[in-house]
Amino acid sequence: MPLVAIPDGEGLILIASNWGRTHHPSRYYNLKASPKVAVTFRNRTRDYIAREVEGAERDACWNKAVEAYPGYAAYEERCTPRKIPLIVLAPSVA
């Protein structure tokens, strides 16, 4: 499934915004249930482990996301009180 991903070092940041709707997208629940994923990004397929980020790490990732696509700020306003989950994909070592 095509997704927007924000490069972050060796990893990727995914934003479960669901276009600012009041519920999380199904892919969020899929990643929580099965965090091992294969992603093709820039014509390279790699294995990653997904994890949700919170606190200061989430804030830093959110700032990168809004910098990449300012529309995320409007999504955040639209979906209040839902907090948009951020998922970091880290390269799998195994």
PDB file of N, CA and C in Angstrom:
ATOM      1  N   MET A   1       0.846  -1.161   0.000  1.00  0.00           N
ATOM      2  CA  MET A   1       0.000   0.000   0.000  1.00  0.00           C
ATOM      3  C   MET A   1       0.896   1.231   0.000  1.00  0.00           C
ATOM      4  N   PRO A   2       0.698   2.155  -0.895  1.00  0.00           N
ATOM      5  CA  PRO A   2       1.503   3.375  -0.927  1.00  0.00           C
ATOM      6  C   PRO A   2       1.199   4.261   0.279  1.00  0.00           C
ATOM      7  N   LEU A   3       2.240   4.740   0.921  1.00  0.00           N
ATOM      8  CA  LEU A   3       2.111   5.636   2.071  1.00  0.00           C
ATOM      9  C   LEU A   3       3.128   6.761   1.949  1.00  0.00           C
ATOM     10  N   VAL A   4       2.837   7.854   2.602  1.00  0.00           N
ATOM     11  CA  VAL A   4       3.812   8.921   2.727  1.00  0.00           C
ATOM     12  C   VAL A   4       4.729   8.550   3.886  1.00  0.00           C
ATOM     13  N   ALA A   5       6.020   8.637   3.661  1.00  0.00           N
ATOM     14  CA  ALA A   5       6.995   8.356   4.717  1.00  0.00           C
ATOM     15  C   ALA A   5       7.998   9.499   4.754  1.00  0.00           C
ATOM     16  N   ILE A   6       8.355   9.926   5.950  1.00  0.00           N
ATOM     17  CA  ILE A   6       9.349  10.973   6.111  1.00  0.00           C
ATOM     18  C   ILE A   6      10.661  10.298   6.484  1.00  0.00           C
ATOM     19  N   PRO A   7      11.682  10.442   5.643  1.00  0.00           N
ATOM     20  CA  PRO A   7      12.979   9.847   5.970  1.00  0.00           C
ATOM     21  C   PRO A   7      13.528  10.456   7.265  1.00  0.00           C
ATOM     22  N   ASP A   8      14.123   9.597   8.082  1.00  0.00           N
ATOM     23  CA  ASP A   8      14.725  10.028   9.345  1.00  0.00           C
ATOM     24  C   ASP A   8      15.936   9.156   9.606  1.00  0.00           C
ATOM     25  N   GLY A   9      17.089   9.597   9.128  1.00  0.00           N
ATOM     26  CA  GLY A   9      18.284   8.764   9.222  1.00  0.00           C
ATOM     27  C   GLY A   9      18.071   7.499   8.426  1.00  0.00           C
ATOM     28  N   GLU A  10      18.291   6.345   9.055  1.00  0.00           N
ATOM     29  CA  GLU A  10      18.067   5.051   8.412  1.00  0.00           C
ATOM     30  C   GLU A  10      16.613   4.612   8.491  1.00  0.00           C
ATOM     31  N   GLY A  11      15.825   5.323   9.279  1.00  0.00           N
ATOM     32  CA  GLY A  11      14.437   4.943   9.489  1.00  0.00           C
ATOM     33  C   GLY A  11      13.472   5.807   8.701  1.00  0.00           C
ATOM     34  N   LEU A  12      12.190   5.534   8.942  1.00  0.00           N
ATOM     35  CA  LEU A  12      11.111   6.268   8.297  1.00  0.00           C
ATOM     36  C   LEU A  12      10.072   6.624   9.356  1.00  0.00           C
ATOM     37  N   ILE A  13       9.422   7.759   9.183  1.00  0.00           N
ATOM     38  CA  ILE A  13       8.347   8.177  10.078  1.00  0.00           C
ATOM     39  C   ILE A  13       7.036   8.074   9.305  1.00  0.00           C
ATOM     40  N   LEU A  14       6.061   7.400   9.903  1.00  0.00           N
ATOM     41  CA  LEU A  14       4.714   7.303   9.336  1.00  0.00           C
ATOM     42  C   LEU A  14       3.755   8.063  10.236  1.00  0.00           C
ATOM     43  N   ILE A  15       2.830   8.780   9.630  1.00  0.00           N
ATOM     44  CA  ILE A  15       1.860   9.573  10.371  1.00  0.00           C
ATOM     45  C   ILE A  15       0.489   8.944  10.171  1.00  0.00           C
ATOM     46  N   ALA A  16      -0.136   8.505  11.256  1.00  0.00           N
ATOM     47  CA  ALA A  16      -1.444   7.845  11.179  1.00  0.00           C
ATOM     48  C   ALA A  16      -2.549   8.894  11.273  1.00  0.00           C
ATOM     49  N   SER A  17      -2.515   9.850  10.360  1.00  0.00           N
ATOM     50  CA  SER A  17      -3.442  10.983  10.418  1.00  0.00           C
ATOM     51  C   SER A  17      -4.848  10.645   9.952  1.00  0.00           C
ATOM     52  N   ASN A  18      -4.954   9.747   8.989  1.00  0.00           N
ATOM     53  CA  ASN A  18      -6.249   9.393   8.404  1.00  0.00           C
ATOM     54  C   ASN A  18      -6.965  10.649   7.899  1.00  0.00           C
ATOM     55  N   TRP A  19      -6.204  11.554   7.327  1.00  0.00           N
ATOM     56  CA  TRP A  19      -6.707  12.818   6.759  1.00  0.00           C
ATOM     57  C   TRP A  19      -7.467  13.653   7.779  1.00  0.00           C
ATOM     58  N   GLY A  20      -7.125  13.502   9.043  1.00  0.00           N
ATOM     59  CA  GLY A  20      -7.770  14.288  10.079  1.00  0.00           C
ATOM     60  C   GLY A  20      -9.122  13.766  10.534  1.00  0.00           C
ATOM     61  N   ARG A  21      -9.414  12.533  10.199  1.00  0.00           N
ATOM     62  CA  ARG A  21     -10.683  11.936  10.645  1.00  0.00           C
ATOM     63  C   ARG A  21     -10.607  11.633  12.139  1.00  0.00           C
ATOM     64  N   THR A  22     -11.746  11.295  12.714  1.00  0.00           N
ATOM     65  CA  THR A  22     -11.819  11.094  14.160  1.00  0.00           C
ATOM     66  C   THR A  22     -11.315   9.739  14.622  1.00  0.00           C
ATOM     67  N   HIS A  23     -10.935   8.859  13.698  1.00  0.00           N
ATOM     68  CA  HIS A  23     -10.443   7.523  14.088  1.00  0.00           C
ATOM     69  C   HIS A  23      -9.108   7.232  13.391  1.00  0.00           C
ATOM     70  N   HIS A  24      -8.344   6.357  14.004  1.00  0.00           N
ATOM     71  CA  HIS A  24      -7.052   5.959  13.437  1.00  0.00           C
ATOM     72  C   HIS A  24      -7.272   5.138  12.161  1.00  0.00           C
ATOM     73  N   PRO A  25      -6.338   5.223  11.228  1.00  0.00           N
ATOM     74  CA  PRO A  25      -6.451   4.397  10.019  1.00  0.00           C
ATOM     75  C   PRO A  25      -6.180   2.925  10.349  1.00  0.00           C
ATOM     76  N   SER A  26      -6.713   2.038   9.525  1.00  0.00           N
ATOM     77  CA  SER A  26      -6.533   0.609   9.778  1.00  0.00           C
ATOM     78  C   SER A  26      -5.064   0.207   9.749  1.00  0.00           C
ATOM     79  N   ARG A  27      -4.241   0.877   8.946  1.00  0.00           N
ATOM     80  CA  ARG A  27      -2.820   0.517   8.893  1.00  0.00           C
ATOM     81  C   ARG A  27      -2.135   0.719  10.245  1.00  0.00           C
ATOM     82  N   TYR A  28      -2.615   1.662  11.048  1.00  0.00           N
ATOM     83  CA  TYR A  28      -2.069   1.860  12.392  1.00  0.00           C
ATOM     84  C   TYR A  28      -2.246   0.574  13.210  1.00  0.00           C
ATOM     85  N   TYR A  29      -3.454   0.026  13.196  1.00  0.00           N
ATOM     86  CA  TYR A  29      -3.730  -1.204  13.950  1.00  0.00           C
ATOM     87  C   TYR A  29      -2.968  -2.393  13.373  1.00  0.00           C
ATOM     88  N   ASN A  30      -2.821  -2.418  12.060  1.00  0.00           N
ATOM     89  CA  ASN A  30      -2.048  -3.494  11.428  1.00  0.00           C
ATOM     90  C   ASN A  30      -0.596  -3.461  11.893  1.00  0.00           C
ATOM     91  N   LEU A  31      -0.010  -2.277  11.954  1.00  0.00           N
ATOM     92  CA  LEU A  31       1.386  -2.158  12.394  1.00  0.00           C
ATOM     93  C   LEU A  31       1.537  -2.488  13.877  1.00  0.00           C
ATOM     94  N   LYS A  32       0.554  -2.128  14.689  1.00  0.00           N
ATOM     95  CA  LYS A  32       0.613  -2.461  16.111  1.00  0.00           C
ATOM     96  C   LYS A  32       0.537  -3.984  16.296  1.00  0.00           C
ATOM     97  N   ALA A  33      -0.282  -4.659  15.482  1.00  0.00           N
ATOM     98  CA  ALA A  33      -0.455  -6.108  15.599  1.00  0.00           C
ATOM     99  C   ALA A  33       0.717  -6.873  15.002  1.00  0.00           C
ATOM    100  N   SER A  34       1.296  -6.357  13.930  1.00  0.00           N
ATOM    101  CA  SER A  34       2.405  -7.021  13.229  1.00  0.00           C
ATOM    102  C   SER A  34       3.466  -5.981  12.868  1.00  0.00           C
ATOM    103  N   PRO A  35       4.363  -5.686  13.808  1.00  0.00           N
ATOM    104  CA  PRO A  35       5.312  -4.596  13.574  1.00  0.00           C
ATOM    105  C   PRO A  35       6.457  -4.902  12.602  1.00  0.00           C
ATOM    106  N   LYS A  36       6.618  -6.150  12.207  1.00  0.00           N
ATOM    107  CA  LYS A  36       7.670  -6.478  11.234  1.00  0.00           C
ATOM    108  C   LYS A  36       7.119  -6.246   9.840  1.00  0.00           C
ATOM    109  N   VAL A  37       7.765  -5.341   9.089  1.00  0.00           N
ATOM    110  CA  VAL A  37       7.279  -4.977   7.759  1.00  0.00           C
ATOM    111  C   VAL A  37       8.434  -4.901   6.767  1.00  0.00           C
ATOM    112  N   ALA A  38       8.102  -5.072   5.511  1.00  0.00           N
ATOM    113  CA  ALA A  38       9.045  -4.836   4.417  1.00  0.00           C
ATOM    114  C   ALA A  38       8.541  -3.600   3.677  1.00  0.00           C
ATOM    115  N   VAL A  39       9.444  -2.660   3.440  1.00  0.00           N
ATOM    116  CA  VAL A  39       9.068  -1.404   2.800  1.00  0.00           C
ATOM    117  C   VAL A  39       9.992  -1.157   1.617  1.00  0.00           C
ATOM    118  N   THR A  40       9.373  -0.772   0.511  1.00  0.00           N
ATOM    119  CA  THR A  40      10.148  -0.326  -0.638  1.00  0.00           C
ATOM    120  C   THR A  40      10.103   1.187  -0.645  1.00  0.00           C
ATOM    121  N   PHE A  41      11.268   1.785  -0.522  1.00  0.00           N
ATOM    122  CA  PHE A  41      11.403   3.240  -0.482  1.00  0.00           C
ATOM    123  C   PHE A  41      12.589   3.618  -1.348  1.00  0.00           C
ATOM    124  N   ARG A  42      12.346   4.510  -2.292  1.00  0.00           N
ATOM    125  CA  ARG A  42      13.396   4.927  -3.229  1.00  0.00           C
ATOM    126  C   ARG A  42      14.023   3.727  -3.928  1.00  0.00           C
ATOM    127  N   ASN A  43      13.167   2.834  -4.397  1.00  0.00           N
ATOM    128  CA  ASN A  43      13.560   1.646  -5.170  1.00  0.00           C
ATOM    129  C   ASN A  43      14.413   0.648  -4.388  1.00  0.00           C
ATOM    130  N   ARG A  44      14.342   0.684  -3.073  1.00  0.00           N
ATOM    131  CA  ARG A  44      15.084  -0.262  -2.239  1.00  0.00           C
ATOM    132  C   ARG A  44      14.130  -0.874  -1.220  1.00  0.00           C
ATOM    133  N   THR A  45      14.080  -2.197  -1.157  1.00  0.00           N
ATOM    134  CA  THR A  45      13.225  -2.881  -0.196  1.00  0.00           C
ATOM    135  C   THR A  45      14.059  -3.309   0.998  1.00  0.00           C
ATOM    136  N   ARG A  46      13.569  -2.949   2.188  1.00  0.00           N
ATOM    137  CA  ARG A  46      14.250  -3.298   3.439  1.00  0.00           C
ATOM    138  C   ARG A  46      13.221  -3.775   4.445  1.00  0.00           C
ATOM    139  N   ASP A  47      13.708  -4.534   5.429  1.00  0.00           N
ATOM    140  CA  ASP A  47      12.871  -4.961   6.543  1.00  0.00           C
ATOM    141  C   ASP A  47      12.985  -3.933   7.667  1.00  0.00           C
ATOM    142  N   TYR A  48      11.845  -3.648   8.287  1.00  0.00           N
ATOM    143  CA  TYR A  48      11.777  -2.668   9.371  1.00  0.00           C
ATOM    144  C   TYR A  48      10.961  -3.236  10.515  1.00  0.00           C
ATOM    145  N   ILE A  49      11.142  -2.637  11.683  1.00  0.00           N
ATOM    146  CA  ILE A  49      10.320  -2.894  12.855  1.00  0.00           C
ATOM    147  C   ILE A  49       9.614  -1.581  13.187  1.00  0.00           C
ATOM    148  N   ALA A  50       8.289  -1.642  13.321  1.00  0.00           N
ATOM    149  CA  ALA A  50       7.486  -0.461  13.608  1.00  0.00           C
ATOM    150  C   ALA A  50       7.282  -0.314  15.111  1.00  0.00           C
ATOM    151  N   ARG A  51       7.329   0.938  15.559  1.00  0.00           N
ATOM    152  CA  ARG A  51       7.000   1.228  16.962  1.00  0.00           C
ATOM    153  C   ARG A  51       6.405   2.621  17.042  1.00  0.00           C
ATOM    154  N   GLU A  52       5.427   2.763  17.921  1.00  0.00           N
ATOM    155  CA  GLU A  52       4.812   4.071  18.126  1.00  0.00           C
ATOM    156  C   GLU A  52       5.710   4.905  19.030  1.00  0.00           C
ATOM    157  N   VAL A  53       5.828   6.189  18.743  1.00  0.00           N
ATOM    158  CA  VAL A  53       6.657   7.078  19.552  1.00  0.00           C
ATOM    159  C   VAL A  53       5.774   8.026  20.357  1.00  0.00           C
ATOM    160  N   GLU A  54       6.278   8.410  21.515  1.00  0.00           N
ATOM    161  CA  GLU A  54       5.561   9.291  22.443  1.00  0.00           C
ATOM    162  C   GLU A  54       6.515  10.365  22.962  1.00  0.00           C
ATOM    163  N   GLY A  55       5.963  11.321  23.670  1.00  0.00           N
ATOM    164  CA  GLY A  55       6.756  12.327  24.368  1.00  0.00           C
ATOM    165  C   GLY A  55       7.618  13.177  23.446  1.00  0.00           C
ATOM    166  N   ALA A  56       8.847  13.443  23.918  1.00  0.00           N
ATOM    167  CA  ALA A  56       9.762  14.301  23.174  1.00  0.00           C
ATOM    168  C   ALA A  56      10.120  13.713  21.810  1.00  0.00           C
ATOM    169  N   GLU A  57      10.228  12.386  21.745  1.00  0.00           N
ATOM    170  CA  GLU A  57      10.539  11.755  20.456  1.00  0.00           C
ATOM    171  C   GLU A  57       9.387  11.974  19.470  1.00  0.00           C
ATOM    172  N   ARG A  58       8.158  11.854  19.941  1.00  0.00           N
ATOM    173  CA  ARG A  58       7.015  12.119  19.078  1.00  0.00           C
ATOM    174  C   ARG A  58       7.019  13.573  18.615  1.00  0.00           C
ATOM    175  N   ASP A  59       7.278  14.488  19.548  1.00  0.00           N
ATOM    176  CA  ASP A  59       7.309  15.914  19.200  1.00  0.00           C
ATOM    177  C   ASP A  59       8.332  16.196  18.099  1.00  0.00           C
ATOM    178  N   ALA A  60       9.515  15.602  18.216  1.00  0.00           N
ATOM    179  CA  ALA A  60      10.559  15.802  17.204  1.00  0.00           C
ATOM    180  C   ALA A  60      10.119  15.234  15.858  1.00  0.00           C
ATOM    181  N   CYS A  61       9.512  14.054  15.883  1.00  0.00           N
ATOM    182  CA  CYS A  61       9.026  13.446  14.638  1.00  0.00           C
ATOM    183  C   CYS A  61       7.882  14.263  14.044  1.00  0.00           C
ATOM    184  N   TRP A  62       6.999  14.761  14.902  1.00  0.00           N
ATOM    185  CA  TRP A  62       5.883  15.573  14.425  1.00  0.00           C
ATOM    186  C   TRP A  62       6.398  16.834  13.730  1.00  0.00           C
ATOM    187  N   ASN A  63       7.393  17.475  14.315  1.00  0.00           N
ATOM    188  CA  ASN A  63       7.961  18.673  13.701  1.00  0.00           C
ATOM    189  C   ASN A  63       8.535  18.369  12.324  1.00  0.00           C
ATOM    190  N   LYS A  64       9.190  17.228  12.169  1.00  0.00           N
ATOM    191  CA  LYS A  64       9.723  16.824  10.858  1.00  0.00           C
ATOM    192  C   LYS A  64       8.586  16.585   9.875  1.00  0.00           C
ATOM    193  N   ALA A  65       7.514  15.970  10.365  1.00  0.00           N
ATOM    194  CA  ALA A  65       6.377  15.677   9.500  1.00  0.00           C
ATOM    195  C   ALA A  65       5.720  16.960   9.008  1.00  0.00           C
ATOM    196  N   VAL A  66       5.486  17.905   9.910  1.00  0.00           N
ATOM    197  CA  VAL A  66       4.848  19.166   9.533  1.00  0.00           C
ATOM    198  C   VAL A  66       5.757  19.979   8.610  1.00  0.00           C
ATOM    199  N   GLU A  67       7.048  19.870   8.811  1.00  0.00           N
ATOM    200  CA  GLU A  67       7.988  20.543   7.912  1.00  0.00           C
ATOM    201  C   GLU A  67       7.888  19.946   6.504  1.00  0.00           C
ATOM    202  N   ALA A  68       7.746  18.638   6.425  1.00  0.00           N
ATOM    203  CA  ALA A  68       7.644  17.956   5.127  1.00  0.00           C
ATOM    204  C   ALA A  68       6.286  18.216   4.468  1.00  0.00           C
ATOM    205  N   TYR A  69       5.221  18.281   5.283  1.00  0.00           N
ATOM    206  CA  TYR A  69       3.878  18.518   4.754  1.00  0.00           C
ATOM    207  C   TYR A  69       3.089  19.332   5.777  1.00  0.00           C
ATOM    208  N   PRO A  70       3.025  20.654   5.603  1.00  0.00           N
ATOM    209  CA  PRO A  70       2.330  21.512   6.566  1.00  0.00           C
ATOM    210  C   PRO A  70       0.857  21.168   6.781  1.00  0.00           C
ATOM    211  N   GLY A  71       0.240  20.449   5.862  1.00  0.00           N
ATOM    212  CA  GLY A  71      -1.159  20.057   6.002  1.00  0.00           C
ATOM    213  C   GLY A  71      -1.430  19.189   7.218  1.00  0.00           C
ATOM    214  N   TYR A  72      -0.404  18.534   7.757  1.00  0.00           N
ATOM    215  CA  TYR A  72      -0.610  17.710   8.955  1.00  0.00           C
ATOM    216  C   TYR A  72      -1.123  18.550  10.121  1.00  0.00           C
ATOM    217  N   ALA A  73      -0.724  19.815  10.192  1.00  0.00           N
ATOM    218  CA  ALA A  73      -1.195  20.686  11.277  1.00  0.00           C
ATOM    219  C   ALA A  73      -2.714  20.846  11.206  1.00  0.00           C
ATOM    220  N   ALA A  74      -3.259  20.987   9.999  1.00  0.00           N
ATOM    221  CA  ALA A  74      -4.713  21.088   9.831  1.00  0.00           C
ATOM    222  C   ALA A  74      -5.387  19.772  10.199  1.00  0.00           C
ATOM    223  N   TYR A  75      -4.769  18.648   9.848  1.00  0.00           N
ATOM    224  CA  TYR A  75      -5.324  17.343  10.224  1.00  0.00           C
ATOM    225  C   TYR A  75      -5.434  17.240  11.741  1.00  0.00           C
ATOM    226  N   GLU A  76      -4.394  17.707  12.423  1.00  0.00           N
ATOM    227  CA  GLU A  76      -4.375  17.625  13.879  1.00  0.00           C
ATOM    228  C   GLU A  76      -5.524  18.434  14.485  1.00  0.00           C
ATOM    229  N   GLU A  77      -5.760  19.626  13.946  1.00  0.00           N
ATOM    230  CA  GLU A  77      -6.863  20.448  14.439  1.00  0.00           C
ATOM    231  C   GLU A  77      -8.207  19.785  14.164  1.00  0.00           C
ATOM    232  N   ARG A  78      -8.341  19.202  12.982  1.00  0.00           N
ATOM    233  CA  ARG A  78      -9.597  18.612  12.562  1.00  0.00           C
ATOM    234  C   ARG A  78      -9.972  17.383  13.389  1.00  0.00           C
ATOM    235  N   CYS A  79      -9.002  16.621  13.848  1.00  0.00           N
ATOM    236  CA  CYS A  79      -9.314  15.361  14.534  1.00  0.00           C
ATOM    237  C   CYS A  79      -9.353  15.477  16.053  1.00  0.00           C
ATOM    238  N   THR A  80      -9.164  16.678  16.587  1.00  0.00           N
ATOM    239  CA  THR A  80      -9.201  16.870  18.036  1.00  0.00           C
ATOM    240  C   THR A  80     -10.496  16.296  18.593  1.00  0.00           C
ATOM    241  N   PRO A  81     -10.464  15.552  19.686  1.00  0.00           N
ATOM    242  CA  PRO A  81      -9.388  15.366  20.645  1.00  0.00           C
ATOM    243  C   PRO A  81      -8.465  14.186  20.349  1.00  0.00           C
ATOM    244  N   ARG A  82      -8.653  13.504  19.210  1.00  0.00           N
ATOM    245  CA  ARG A  82      -7.778  12.382  18.886  1.00  0.00           C
ATOM    246  C   ARG A  82      -6.353  12.896  18.679  1.00  0.00           C
ATOM    247  N   LYS A  83      -5.401  12.190  19.263  1.00  0.00           N
ATOM    248  CA  LYS A  83      -3.989  12.505  19.052  1.00  0.00           C
ATOM    249  C   LYS A  83      -3.475  11.612  17.934  1.00  0.00           C
ATOM    250  N   ILE A  84      -2.916  12.230  16.907  1.00  0.00           N
ATOM    251  CA  ILE A  84      -2.448  11.471  15.751  1.00  0.00           C
ATOM    252  C   ILE A  84      -1.228  10.641  16.145  1.00  0.00           C
ATOM    253  N   PRO A  85      -1.301   9.322  15.988  1.00  0.00           N
ATOM    254  CA  PRO A  85      -0.154   8.476  16.317  1.00  0.00           C
ATOM    255  C   PRO A  85       0.961   8.624  15.268  1.00  0.00           C
ATOM    256  N   LEU A  86       2.178   8.569  15.741  1.00  0.00           N
ATOM    257  CA  LEU A  86       3.343   8.554  14.864  1.00  0.00           C
ATOM    258  C   LEU A  86       4.057   7.229  15.057  1.00  0.00           C
ATOM    259  N   ILE A  87       4.396   6.615  13.945  1.00  0.00           N
ATOM    260  CA  ILE A  87       5.078   5.326  13.940  1.00  0.00           C
ATOM    261  C   ILE A  87       6.463   5.516  13.317  1.00  0.00           C
ATOM    262  N   VAL A  88       7.468   5.036  14.001  1.00  0.00           N
ATOM    263  CA  VAL A  88       8.826   5.044  13.459  1.00  0.00           C
ATOM    264  C   VAL A  88       9.141   3.633  12.976  1.00  0.00           C
ATOM    265  N   LEU A  89       9.637   3.559  11.757  1.00  0.00           N
ATOM    266  CA  LEU A  89      10.121   2.290  11.206  1.00  0.00           C
ATOM    267  C   LEU A  89      11.637   2.287  11.306  1.00  0.00           C
ATOM    268  N   ALA A  90      12.173   1.374  12.101  1.00  0.00           N
ATOM    269  CA  ALA A  90      13.617   1.243  12.267  1.00  0.00           C
ATOM    270  C   ALA A  90      14.076   0.013  11.488  1.00  0.00           C
ATOM    271  N   PRO A  91      15.205   0.115  10.789  1.00  0.00           N
ATOM    272  CA  PRO A  91      15.702  -1.047  10.047  1.00  0.00           C
ATOM    273  C   PRO A  91      15.857  -2.258  10.963  1.00  0.00           C
ATOM    274  N   SER A  92      15.421  -3.394  10.471  1.00  0.00           N
ATOM    275  CA  SER A  92      15.546  -4.643  11.218  1.00  0.00           C
ATOM    276  C   SER A  92      16.981  -5.134  11.117  1.00  0.00           C
ATOM    277  N   VAL A  93      17.530  -5.622  12.213  1.00  0.00           N
ATOM    278  CA  VAL A  93      18.905  -6.128  12.219  1.00  0.00           C
ATOM    279  C   VAL A  93      18.959  -7.614  11.940  1.00  0.00           C
ATOM    280  N   ALA A  94      17.819  -8.283  11.992  1.00  0.00           N
ATOM    281  CA  ALA A  94      17.808  -9.732  11.773  1.00  0.00           C
ATOM    282  C   ALA A  94      17.332 -10.081  10.399  1.00  0.00           C
TER     283      ALA A  94
END
